[in-house]
């Protein structure tokens, strides 16, 4: 992958993950009573949102770590696909299929 493509992907992925991290922080502060963010919602809804956002952050982090360890140097586009909220589940399924094929050959 060219350096320009790598920089473009980082320019897309980093803001996505920073925004999700800030949202996770606000939800965490709200759950601990240190912020009034989303205080109009019940604790169970805020906890569900916290868990959802945490998973949305962990999925691209896991894909990124796996991409870095792979010997066949896969495309970092998979990290971007895994960082897009909600779509990331489909991205991870496609990545795992690509990984299975690459390692099986």
PDB file of N, CA and C in Angstrom:
ATOM      1  N   UNK A   1       0.844  -1.165   0.000  1.00  0.00           N
ATOM      2  CA  UNK A   1       0.000   0.000   0.000  1.00  0.00           C
ATOM      3  C   UNK A   1       0.894   1.234   0.000  1.00  0.00           C
ATOM      4  N   UNK A   2       0.544   2.198  -0.837  1.00  0.00           N
ATOM      5  CA  UNK A   2       1.323   3.427  -0.957  1.00  0.00           C
ATOM      6  C   UNK A   2       1.168   4.277   0.293  1.00  0.00           C
ATOM      7  N   UNK A   3       2.158   5.109   0.536  1.00  0.00           N
ATOM      8  CA  UNK A   3       2.149   5.968   1.726  1.00  0.00           C
ATOM      9  C   UNK A   3       0.967   6.931   1.704  1.00  0.00           C
ATOM     10  N   UNK A   4       0.580   7.402   0.513  1.00  0.00           N
ATOM     11  CA  UNK A   4      -0.547   8.327   0.411  1.00  0.00           C
ATOM     12  C   UNK A   4      -1.851   7.633   0.813  1.00  0.00           C
ATOM     13  N   UNK A   5      -2.006   6.398   0.378  1.00  0.00           N
ATOM     14  CA  UNK A   5      -3.211   5.643   0.735  1.00  0.00           C
ATOM     15  C   UNK A   5      -3.259   5.390   2.236  1.00  0.00           C
ATOM     16  N   UNK A   6      -2.120   5.087   2.814  1.00  0.00           N
ATOM     17  CA  UNK A   6      -2.032   4.849   4.256  1.00  0.00           C
ATOM     18  C   UNK A   6      -2.422   6.111   5.031  1.00  0.00           C
ATOM     19  N   UNK A   7      -1.941   7.262   4.584  1.00  0.00           N
ATOM     20  CA  UNK A   7      -2.272   8.525   5.233  1.00  0.00           C
ATOM     21  C   UNK A   7      -3.757   8.846   5.092  1.00  0.00           C
ATOM     22  N   UNK A   8      -4.330   8.579   3.933  1.00  0.00           N
ATOM     23  CA  UNK A   8      -5.756   8.823   3.726  1.00  0.00           C
ATOM     24  C   UNK A   8      -6.587   7.947   4.651  1.00  0.00           C
ATOM     25  N   UNK A   9      -6.221   6.685   4.763  1.00  0.00           N
ATOM     26  CA  UNK A   9      -6.961   5.791   5.647  1.00  0.00           C
ATOM     27  C   UNK A   9      -6.849   6.241   7.097  1.00  0.00           C
ATOM     28  N   UNK A  10      -5.671   6.665   7.502  1.00  0.00           N
ATOM     29  CA  UNK A  10      -5.513   7.171   8.869  1.00  0.00           C
ATOM     30  C   UNK A  10      -6.355   8.431   9.075  1.00  0.00           C
ATOM     31  N   UNK A  11      -6.436   9.274   8.046  1.00  0.00           N
ATOM     32  CA  UNK A  11      -7.251  10.491   8.144  1.00  0.00           C
ATOM     33  C   UNK A  11      -8.733  10.158   8.282  1.00  0.00           C
ATOM     34  N   UNK A  12      -9.146   9.011   7.794  1.00  0.00           N
ATOM     35  CA  UNK A  12     -10.543   8.587   7.934  1.00  0.00           C
ATOM     36  C   UNK A  12     -10.788   7.855   9.247  1.00  0.00           C
ATOM     37  N   UNK A  13      -9.893   6.967   9.597  1.00  0.00           N
ATOM     38  CA  UNK A  13     -10.096   6.102  10.757  1.00  0.00           C
ATOM     39  C   UNK A  13      -9.886   6.837  12.079  1.00  0.00           C
ATOM     40  N   UNK A  14      -8.849   7.632  12.166  1.00  0.00           N
ATOM     41  CA  UNK A  14      -8.540   8.292  13.440  1.00  0.00           C
ATOM     42  C   UNK A  14      -9.690   9.187  13.911  1.00  0.00           C
ATOM     43  N   UNK A  15     -10.259  10.064  13.065  1.00  0.00           N
ATOM     44  CA  UNK A  15     -11.389  10.865  13.549  1.00  0.00           C
ATOM     45  C   UNK A  15     -12.594  10.025  13.971  1.00  0.00           C
ATOM     46  N   UNK A  16     -12.847   8.936  13.246  1.00  0.00           N
ATOM     47  CA  UNK A  16     -13.948   8.054  13.630  1.00  0.00           C
ATOM     48  C   UNK A  16     -13.733   7.498  15.030  1.00  0.00           C
ATOM     49  N   UNK A  17     -12.534   7.014  15.280  1.00  0.00           N
ATOM     50  CA  UNK A  17     -12.241   6.413  16.583  1.00  0.00           C
ATOM     51  C   UNK A  17     -12.151   7.454  17.693  1.00  0.00           C
ATOM     52  N   UNK A  18     -11.664   8.649  17.373  1.00  0.00           N
ATOM     53  CA  UNK A  18     -11.614   9.716  18.375  1.00  0.00           C
ATOM     54  C   UNK A  18     -13.033  10.124  18.766  1.00  0.00           C
ATOM     55  N   UNK A  19     -13.916  10.265  17.780  1.00  0.00           N
ATOM     56  CA  UNK A  19     -15.308  10.629  18.071  1.00  0.00           C
ATOM     57  C   UNK A  19     -15.981   9.555  18.925  1.00  0.00           C
ATOM     58  N   UNK A  20     -15.769   8.302  18.573  1.00  0.00           N
ATOM     59  CA  UNK A  20     -16.347   7.218  19.369  1.00  0.00           C
ATOM     60  C   UNK A  20     -15.767   7.201  20.779  1.00  0.00           C
ATOM     61  N   UNK A  21     -14.478   7.464  20.898  1.00  0.00           N
ATOM     62  CA  UNK A  21     -13.839   7.477  22.221  1.00  0.00           C
ATOM     63  C   UNK A  21     -14.385   8.604  23.090  1.00  0.00           C
ATOM     64  N   UNK A  22     -14.597   9.779  22.489  1.00  0.00           N
ATOM     65  CA  UNK A  22     -15.169  10.896  23.249  1.00  0.00           C
ATOM     66  C   UNK A  22     -16.599  10.575  23.694  1.00  0.00           C
ATOM     67  N   UNK A  23     -17.356   9.963  22.806  1.00  0.00           N
ATOM     68  CA  UNK A  23     -18.724   9.564  23.154  1.00  0.00           C
ATOM     69  C   UNK A  23     -18.699   8.530  24.279  1.00  0.00           C
ATOM     70  N   UNK A  24     -17.767   7.587  24.208  1.00  0.00           N
ATOM     71  CA  UNK A  24     -17.628   6.582  25.256  1.00  0.00           C
ATOM     72  C   UNK A  24     -17.265   7.246  26.586  1.00  0.00           C
ATOM     73  N   UNK A  25     -16.366   8.209  26.546  1.00  0.00           N
ATOM     74  CA  UNK A  25     -15.982   8.933  27.755  1.00  0.00           C
ATOM     75  C   UNK A  25     -17.179   9.669  28.357  1.00  0.00           C
ATOM     76  N   UNK A  26     -17.942  10.355  27.525  1.00  0.00           N
ATOM     77  CA  UNK A  26     -19.128  11.060  28.022  1.00  0.00           C
ATOM     78  C   UNK A  26     -20.137  10.097  28.628  1.00  0.00           C
ATOM     79  N   UNK A  27     -20.332   8.969  27.983  1.00  0.00           N
ATOM     80  CA  UNK A  27     -21.255   7.969  28.533  1.00  0.00           C
ATOM     81  C   UNK A  27     -20.734   7.421  29.858  1.00  0.00           C
ATOM     82  N   UNK A  28     -19.436   7.172  29.940  1.00  0.00           N
ATOM     83  CA  UNK A  28     -18.849   6.672  31.181  1.00  0.00           C
ATOM     84  C   UNK A  28     -18.986   7.674  32.311  1.00  0.00           C
ATOM     85  N   UNK A  29     -18.730   8.944  32.021  1.00  0.00           N
ATOM     86  CA  UNK A  29     -18.897   9.985  33.033  1.00  0.00           C
ATOM     87  C   UNK A  29     -20.348  10.110  33.467  1.00  0.00           C
ATOM     88  N   UNK A  30     -21.252   9.946  32.523  1.00  0.00           N
ATOM     89  CA  UNK A  30     -22.672  10.002  32.847  1.00  0.00           C
ATOM     90  C   UNK A  30     -23.083   8.836  33.750  1.00  0.00           C
ATOM     91  N   UNK A  31     -22.535   7.671  33.474  1.00  0.00           N
ATOM     92  CA  UNK A  31     -22.869   6.493  34.286  1.00  0.00           C
ATOM     93  C   UNK A  31     -22.333   6.603  35.706  1.00  0.00           C
ATOM     94  N   UNK A  32     -21.214   7.290  35.861  1.00  0.00           N
ATOM     95  CA  UNK A  32     -20.635   7.428  37.204  1.00  0.00           C
ATOM     96  C   UNK A  32     -21.155   8.664  37.930  1.00  0.00           C
ATOM     97  N   UNK A  33     -22.015   9.442  37.284  1.00  0.00           N
ATOM     98  CA  UNK A  33     -22.598  10.615  37.915  1.00  0.00           C
ATOM     99  C   UNK A  33     -21.734  11.857  37.838  1.00  0.00           C
ATOM    100  N   UNK A  34     -20.685  11.832  37.061  1.00  0.00           N
ATOM    101  CA  UNK A  34     -19.786  12.985  36.948  1.00  0.00           C
ATOM    102  C   UNK A  34     -20.189  13.932  35.820  1.00  0.00           C
ATOM    103  N   UNK A  35     -21.212  13.584  35.073  1.00  0.00           N
ATOM    104  CA  UNK A  35     -21.665  14.418  33.968  1.00  0.00           C
ATOM    105  C   UNK A  35     -23.173  14.274  33.844  1.00  0.00           C
ATOM    106  N   UNK A  36     -23.798  15.307  33.315  1.00  0.00           N
ATOM    107  CA  UNK A  36     -25.242  15.235  33.101  1.00  0.00           C
ATOM    108  C   UNK A  36     -25.569  14.820  31.664  1.00  0.00           C
ATOM    109  N   UNK A  37     -24.541  14.424  30.924  1.00  0.00           N
ATOM    110  CA  UNK A  37     -24.741  13.978  29.549  1.00  0.00           C
ATOM    111  C   UNK A  37     -25.697  12.790  29.515  1.00  0.00           C
ATOM    112  N   UNK A  38     -26.727  12.885  28.733  1.00  0.00           N
ATOM    113  CA  UNK A  38     -27.728  11.819  28.563  1.00  0.00           C
ATOM    114  C   UNK A  38     -28.409  11.437  29.873  1.00  0.00           C
ATOM    115  N   UNK A  39     -28.450  12.363  30.826  1.00  0.00           N
ATOM    116  CA  UNK A  39     -29.048  12.069  32.133  1.00  0.00           C
ATOM    117  C   UNK A  39     -30.551  11.847  32.048  1.00  0.00           C
ATOM    118  N   UNK A  40     -31.165  12.291  30.965  1.00  0.00           N
ATOM    119  CA  UNK A  40     -32.603  12.083  30.818  1.00  0.00           C
ATOM    120  C   UNK A  40     -32.942  10.637  30.479  1.00  0.00           C
ATOM    121  N   UNK A  41     -31.929   9.873  30.087  1.00  0.00           N
ATOM    122  CA  UNK A  41     -32.143   8.454  29.768  1.00  0.00           C
ATOM    123  C   UNK A  41     -31.855   7.598  30.992  1.00  0.00           C
ATOM    124  N   UNK A  42     -32.466   6.452  31.040  1.00  0.00           N
ATOM    125  CA  UNK A  42     -32.257   5.559  32.181  1.00  0.00           C
ATOM    126  C   UNK A  42     -30.835   5.010  32.182  1.00  0.00           C
ATOM    127  N   UNK A  43     -30.429   4.532  33.322  1.00  0.00           N
ATOM    128  CA  UNK A  43     -29.087   3.959  33.459  1.00  0.00           C
ATOM    129  C   UNK A  43     -28.925   2.751  32.545  1.00  0.00           C
ATOM    130  N   UNK A  44     -29.954   1.951  32.402  1.00  0.00           N
ATOM    131  CA  UNK A  44     -29.836   0.755  31.552  1.00  0.00           C
ATOM    132  C   UNK A  44     -29.634   1.136  30.084  1.00  0.00           C
ATOM    133  N   UNK A  45     -30.279   2.206  29.629  1.00  0.00           N
ATOM    134  CA  UNK A  45     -30.082   2.644  28.239  1.00  0.00           C
ATOM    135  C   UNK A  45     -28.671   3.201  28.066  1.00  0.00           C
ATOM    136  N   UNK A  46     -28.209   3.987  29.037  1.00  0.00           N
ATOM    137  CA  UNK A  46     -26.845   4.529  28.962  1.00  0.00           C
ATOM    138  C   UNK A  46     -25.804   3.413  29.037  1.00  0.00           C
ATOM    139  N   UNK A  47     -26.060   2.399  29.841  1.00  0.00           N
ATOM    140  CA  UNK A  47     -25.144   1.264  29.931  1.00  0.00           C
ATOM    141  C   UNK A  47     -25.125   0.481  28.623  1.00  0.00           C
ATOM    142  N   UNK A  48     -26.285   0.299  28.019  1.00  0.00           N
ATOM    143  CA  UNK A  48     -26.342  -0.382  26.720  1.00  0.00           C
ATOM    144  C   UNK A  48     -25.591   0.420  25.661  1.00  0.00           C
ATOM    145  N   UNK A  49     -25.765   1.740  25.673  1.00  0.00           N
ATOM    146  CA  UNK A  49     -25.053   2.590  24.717  1.00  0.00           C
ATOM    147  C   UNK A  49     -23.546   2.528  24.965  1.00  0.00           C
ATOM    148  N   UNK A  50     -23.134   2.536  26.220  1.00  0.00           N
ATOM    149  CA  UNK A  50     -21.716   2.435  26.576  1.00  0.00           C
ATOM    150  C   UNK A  50     -21.131   1.130  26.047  1.00  0.00           C
ATOM    151  N   UNK A  51     -21.838   0.040  26.252  1.00  0.00           N
ATOM    152  CA  UNK A  51     -21.371  -1.272  25.785  1.00  0.00           C
ATOM    153  C   UNK A  51     -21.286  -1.305  24.263  1.00  0.00           C
ATOM    154  N   UNK A  52     -22.298  -0.759  23.596  1.00  0.00           N
ATOM    155  CA  UNK A  52     -22.319  -0.720  22.134  1.00  0.00           C
ATOM    156  C   UNK A  52     -21.122   0.069  21.609  1.00  0.00           C
ATOM    157  N   UNK A  53     -20.879   1.256  22.158  1.00  0.00           N
ATOM    158  CA  UNK A  53     -19.769   2.095  21.691  1.00  0.00           C
ATOM    159  C   UNK A  53     -18.432   1.432  21.999  1.00  0.00           C
ATOM    160  N   UNK A  54     -18.326   0.781  23.142  1.00  0.00           N
ATOM    161  CA  UNK A  54     -17.093   0.071  23.473  1.00  0.00           C
ATOM    162  C   UNK A  54     -16.795  -1.019  22.444  1.00  0.00           C
ATOM    163  N   UNK A  55     -17.803  -1.768  22.073  1.00  0.00           N
ATOM    164  CA  UNK A  55     -17.627  -2.806  21.042  1.00  0.00           C
ATOM    165  C   UNK A  55     -17.250  -2.165  19.712  1.00  0.00           C
ATOM    166  N   UNK A  56     -17.863  -1.015  19.403  1.00  0.00           N
ATOM    167  CA  UNK A  56     -17.561  -0.310  18.158  1.00  0.00           C
ATOM    168  C   UNK A  56     -16.112   0.167  18.120  1.00  0.00           C
ATOM    169  N   UNK A  57     -15.495   0.354  19.262  1.00  0.00           N
ATOM    170  CA  UNK A  57     -14.080   0.743  19.321  1.00  0.00           C
ATOM    171  C   UNK A  57     -13.183  -0.493  19.309  1.00  0.00           C
ATOM    172  N   UNK A  58     -13.588  -1.532  20.009  1.00  0.00           N
ATOM    173  CA  UNK A  58     -12.747  -2.734  20.113  1.00  0.00           C
ATOM    174  C   UNK A  58     -12.640  -3.497  18.794  1.00  0.00           C
ATOM    175  N   UNK A  59     -13.681  -3.479  17.977  1.00  0.00           N
ATOM    176  CA  UNK A  59     -13.639  -4.214  16.705  1.00  0.00           C
ATOM    177  C   UNK A  59     -12.527  -3.683  15.794  1.00  0.00           C
ATOM    178  N   UNK A  60     -12.477  -2.375  15.487  1.00  0.00           N
ATOM    179  CA  UNK A  60     -11.377  -1.920  14.620  1.00  0.00           C
ATOM    180  C   UNK A  60     -10.004  -2.052  15.273  1.00  0.00           C
ATOM    181  N   UNK A  61      -9.948  -1.927  16.585  1.00  0.00           N
ATOM    182  CA  UNK A  61      -8.661  -2.109  17.269  1.00  0.00           C
ATOM    183  C   UNK A  61      -8.168  -3.539  17.090  1.00  0.00           C
ATOM    184  N   UNK A  62      -9.064  -4.499  17.237  1.00  0.00           N
ATOM    185  CA  UNK A  62      -8.695  -5.902  17.034  1.00  0.00           C
ATOM    186  C   UNK A  62      -8.281  -6.193  15.606  1.00  0.00           C
ATOM    187  N   UNK A  63      -9.014  -5.636  14.641  1.00  0.00           N
ATOM    188  CA  UNK A  63      -8.664  -5.836  13.225  1.00  0.00           C
ATOM    189  C   UNK A  63      -7.301  -5.202  12.934  1.00  0.00           C
ATOM    190  N   UNK A  64      -7.068  -4.011  13.463  1.00  0.00           N
ATOM    191  CA  UNK A  64      -5.781  -3.343  13.236  1.00  0.00           C
ATOM    192  C   UNK A  64      -4.623  -4.178  13.784  1.00  0.00           C
ATOM    193  N   UNK A  65      -4.778  -4.681  14.993  1.00  0.00           N
ATOM    194  CA  UNK A  65      -3.714  -5.504  15.574  1.00  0.00           C
ATOM    195  C   UNK A  65      -3.491  -6.773  14.761  1.00  0.00           C
ATOM    196  N   UNK A  66      -4.571  -7.369  14.266  1.00  0.00           N
ATOM    197  CA  UNK A  66      -4.435  -8.573  13.456  1.00  0.00           C
ATOM    198  C   UNK A  66      -3.774  -8.261  12.117  1.00  0.00           C
ATOM    199  N   UNK A  67      -4.150  -7.140  11.505  1.00  0.00           N
ATOM    200  CA  UNK A  67      -3.543  -6.746  10.234  1.00  0.00           C
ATOM    201  C   UNK A  67      -2.045  -6.542  10.405  1.00  0.00           C
ATOM    202  N   UNK A  68      -1.646  -5.939  11.511  1.00  0.00           N
ATOM    203  CA  UNK A  68      -0.217  -5.695  11.759  1.00  0.00           C
ATOM    204  C   UNK A  68       0.573  -6.997  11.924  1.00  0.00           C
ATOM    205  N   UNK A  69      -0.077  -8.046  12.440  1.00  0.00           N
ATOM    206  CA  UNK A  69       0.617  -9.320  12.695  1.00  0.00           C
ATOM    207  C   UNK A  69       0.644 -10.230  11.481  1.00  0.00           C
ATOM    208  N   UNK A  70      -0.230  -9.985  10.510  1.00  0.00           N
ATOM    209  CA  UNK A  70      -0.324 -10.900   9.370  1.00  0.00           C
ATOM    210  C   UNK A  70       0.918 -10.830   8.497  1.00  0.00           C
ATOM    211  N   UNK A  71       1.412 -11.997   8.091  1.00  0.00           N
ATOM    212  CA  UNK A  71       2.625 -12.018   7.265  1.00  0.00           C
ATOM    213  C   UNK A  71       2.376 -11.593   5.820  1.00  0.00           C
ATOM    214  N   UNK A  72       1.140 -11.674   5.341  1.00  0.00           N
ATOM    215  CA  UNK A  72       0.864 -11.372   3.931  1.00  0.00           C
ATOM    216  C   UNK A  72       0.572  -9.895   3.673  1.00  0.00           C
ATOM    217  N   UNK A  73       0.711  -9.017   4.684  1.00  0.00           N
ATOM    218  CA  UNK A  73       0.557  -7.570   4.560  1.00  0.00           C
ATOM    219  C   UNK A  73      -0.753  -7.198   3.861  1.00  0.00           C
ATOM    220  N   UNK A  74      -1.880  -7.433   4.527  1.00  0.00           N
ATOM    221  CA  UNK A  74      -3.164  -7.121   3.907  1.00  0.00           C
ATOM    222  C   UNK A  74      -3.416  -5.613   3.840  1.00  0.00           C
ATOM    223  N   UNK A  75      -4.415  -5.256   3.097  1.00  0.00           N
ATOM    224  CA  UNK A  75      -4.789  -3.865   2.891  1.00  0.00           C
ATOM    225  C   UNK A  75      -5.361  -3.269   4.176  1.00  0.00           C
ATOM    226  N   UNK A  76      -4.927  -2.069   4.534  1.00  0.00           N
ATOM    227  CA  UNK A  76      -5.437  -1.406   5.736  1.00  0.00           C
ATOM    228  C   UNK A  76      -6.874  -0.904   5.567  1.00  0.00           C
ATOM    229  N   UNK A  77      -7.430  -1.057   4.377  1.00  0.00           N
ATOM    230  CA  UNK A  77      -8.826  -0.673   4.166  1.00  0.00           C
ATOM    231  C   UNK A  77      -9.728  -1.452   5.104  1.00  0.00           C
ATOM    232  N   UNK A  78      -9.312  -2.632   5.498  1.00  0.00           N
ATOM    233  CA  UNK A  78     -10.108  -3.437   6.425  1.00  0.00           C
ATOM    234  C   UNK A  78     -10.280  -2.722   7.759  1.00  0.00           C
ATOM    235  N   UNK A  79      -9.270  -1.993   8.181  1.00  0.00           N
ATOM    236  CA  UNK A  79      -9.367  -1.263   9.450  1.00  0.00           C
ATOM    237  C   UNK A  79     -10.436  -0.175   9.330  1.00  0.00           C
ATOM    238  N   UNK A  80     -10.460   0.504   8.191  1.00  0.00           N
ATOM    239  CA  UNK A  80     -11.479   1.531   7.973  1.00  0.00           C
ATOM    240  C   UNK A  80     -12.864   0.896   7.939  1.00  0.00           C
ATOM    241  N   UNK A  81     -13.000  -0.212   7.258  1.00  0.00           N
ATOM    242  CA  UNK A  81     -14.300  -0.899   7.203  1.00  0.00           C
ATOM    243  C   UNK A  81     -14.749  -1.327   8.592  1.00  0.00           C
ATOM    244  N   UNK A  82     -13.805  -1.716   9.421  1.00  0.00           N
ATOM    245  CA  UNK A  82     -14.148  -2.144  10.779  1.00  0.00           C
ATOM    246  C   UNK A  82     -14.413  -0.964  11.705  1.00  0.00           C
ATOM    247  N   UNK A  83     -14.017   0.244  11.308  1.00  0.00           N
ATOM    248  CA  UNK A  83     -14.208   1.408  12.167  1.00  0.00           C
ATOM    249  C   UNK A  83     -15.529   2.128  11.926  1.00  0.00           C
ATOM    250  N   UNK A  84     -16.206   1.805  10.853  1.00  0.00           N
ATOM    251  CA  UNK A  84     -17.478   2.467  10.550  1.00  0.00           C
ATOM    252  C   UNK A  84     -18.556   1.857  11.441  1.00  0.00           C
ATOM    253  N   UNK A  85     -19.166   2.669  12.305  1.00  0.00           N
ATOM    254  CA  UNK A  85     -20.174   2.125  13.225  1.00  0.00           C
ATOM    255  C   UNK A  85     -21.292   1.380  12.500  1.00  0.00           C
ATOM    256  N   UNK A  86     -21.745   0.317  13.094  1.00  0.00           N
ATOM    257  CA  UNK A  86     -22.805  -0.579  12.646  1.00  0.00           C
ATOM    258  C   UNK A  86     -22.371  -1.403  11.434  1.00  0.00           C
ATOM    259  N   UNK A  87     -21.782  -0.774  10.429  1.00  0.00           N
ATOM    260  CA  UNK A  87     -21.310  -1.497   9.248  1.00  0.00           C
ATOM    261  C   UNK A  87     -20.135  -2.395   9.603  1.00  0.00           C
ATOM    262  N   UNK A  88     -19.471  -2.090  10.715  1.00  0.00           N
ATOM    263  CA  UNK A  88     -18.243  -2.804  11.046  1.00  0.00           C
ATOM    264  C   UNK A  88     -18.444  -4.299  11.241  1.00  0.00           C
ATOM    265  N   UNK A  89     -19.608  -4.711  11.639  1.00  0.00           N
ATOM    266  CA  UNK A  89     -19.846  -6.150  11.801  1.00  0.00           C
ATOM    267  C   UNK A  89     -19.723  -6.839  10.447  1.00  0.00           C
ATOM    268  N   UNK A  90     -20.308  -6.242   9.417  1.00  0.00           N
ATOM    269  CA  UNK A  90     -20.176  -6.806   8.064  1.00  0.00           C
ATOM    270  C   UNK A  90     -18.728  -6.722   7.586  1.00  0.00           C
ATOM    271  N   UNK A  91     -18.053  -5.617   7.922  1.00  0.00           N
ATOM    272  CA  UNK A  91     -16.650  -5.472   7.551  1.00  0.00           C
ATOM    273  C   UNK A  91     -15.770  -6.528   8.187  1.00  0.00           C
ATOM    274  N   UNK A  92     -16.041  -6.844   9.443  1.00  0.00           N
ATOM    275  CA  UNK A  92     -15.248  -7.863  10.135  1.00  0.00           C
ATOM    276  C   UNK A  92     -15.506  -9.243   9.543  1.00  0.00           C
ATOM    277  N   UNK A  93     -16.745  -9.528   9.207  1.00  0.00           N
ATOM    278  CA  UNK A  93     -17.063 -10.819   8.580  1.00  0.00           C
ATOM    279  C   UNK A  93     -16.313 -10.944   7.257  1.00  0.00           C
ATOM    280  N   UNK A  94     -16.315  -9.884   6.449  1.00  0.00           N
ATOM    281  CA  UNK A  94     -15.589  -9.908   5.174  1.00  0.00           C
ATOM    282  C   UNK A  94     -14.082 -10.017   5.410  1.00  0.00           C
ATOM    283  N   UNK A  95     -13.571  -9.306   6.411  1.00  0.00           N
ATOM    284  CA  UNK A  95     -12.141  -9.376   6.722  1.00  0.00           C
ATOM    285  C   UNK A  95     -11.740 -10.790   7.136  1.00  0.00           C
ATOM    286  N   UNK A  96     -12.538 -11.395   8.003  1.00  0.00           N
ATOM    287  CA  UNK A  96     -12.219 -12.752   8.452  1.00  0.00           C
ATOM    288  C   UNK A  96     -12.249 -13.740   7.294  1.00  0.00           C
ATOM    289  N   UNK A  97     -13.173 -13.545   6.352  1.00  0.00           N
ATOM    290  CA  UNK A  97     -13.220 -14.407   5.173  1.00  0.00           C
ATOM    291  C   UNK A  97     -11.979 -14.192   4.313  1.00  0.00           C
ATOM    292  N   UNK A  98     -11.574 -12.936   4.127  1.00  0.00           N
ATOM    293  CA  UNK A  98     -10.362 -12.630   3.370  1.00  0.00           C
ATOM    294  C   UNK A  98      -9.135 -13.219   4.064  1.00  0.00           C
ATOM    295  N   UNK A  99      -9.110 -13.118   5.373  1.00  0.00           N
ATOM    296  CA  UNK A  99      -7.986 -13.658   6.158  1.00  0.00           C
ATOM    297  C   UNK A  99      -7.922 -15.176   6.025  1.00  0.00           C
ATOM    298  N   UNK A 100      -9.092 -15.824   6.100  1.00  0.00           N
ATOM    299  CA  UNK A 100      -9.134 -17.284   5.972  1.00  0.00           C
ATOM    300  C   UNK A 100      -8.606 -17.716   4.605  1.00  0.00           C
ATOM    301  N   UNK A 101      -9.040 -17.020   3.552  1.00  0.00           N
ATOM    302  CA  UNK A 101      -8.581 -17.362   2.207  1.00  0.00           C
ATOM    303  C   UNK A 101      -7.085 -17.126   2.048  1.00  0.00           C
ATOM    304  N   UNK A 102      -6.599 -15.993   2.573  1.00  0.00           N
ATOM    305  CA  UNK A 102      -5.171 -15.660   2.418  1.00  0.00           C
ATOM    306  C   UNK A 102      -4.283 -16.638   3.180  1.00  0.00           C
ATOM    307  N   UNK A 103      -4.701 -17.032   4.347  1.00  0.00           N
ATOM    308  CA  UNK A 103      -3.893 -17.941   5.138  1.00  0.00           C
ATOM    309  C   UNK A 103      -4.050 -19.397   4.703  1.00  0.00           C
ATOM    310  N   UNK A 104      -5.167 -19.677   4.002  1.00  0.00           N
ATOM    311  CA  UNK A 104      -5.413 -21.028   3.526  1.00  0.00           C
ATOM    312  C   UNK A 104      -4.692 -21.361   2.235  1.00  0.00           C
ATOM    313  N   UNK A 105      -4.283 -20.338   1.518  1.00  0.00           N
ATOM    314  CA  UNK A 105      -3.621 -20.559   0.227  1.00  0.00           C
ATOM    315  C   UNK A 105      -2.169 -20.916   0.381  1.00  0.00           C
TER     316      UNK A 105
END
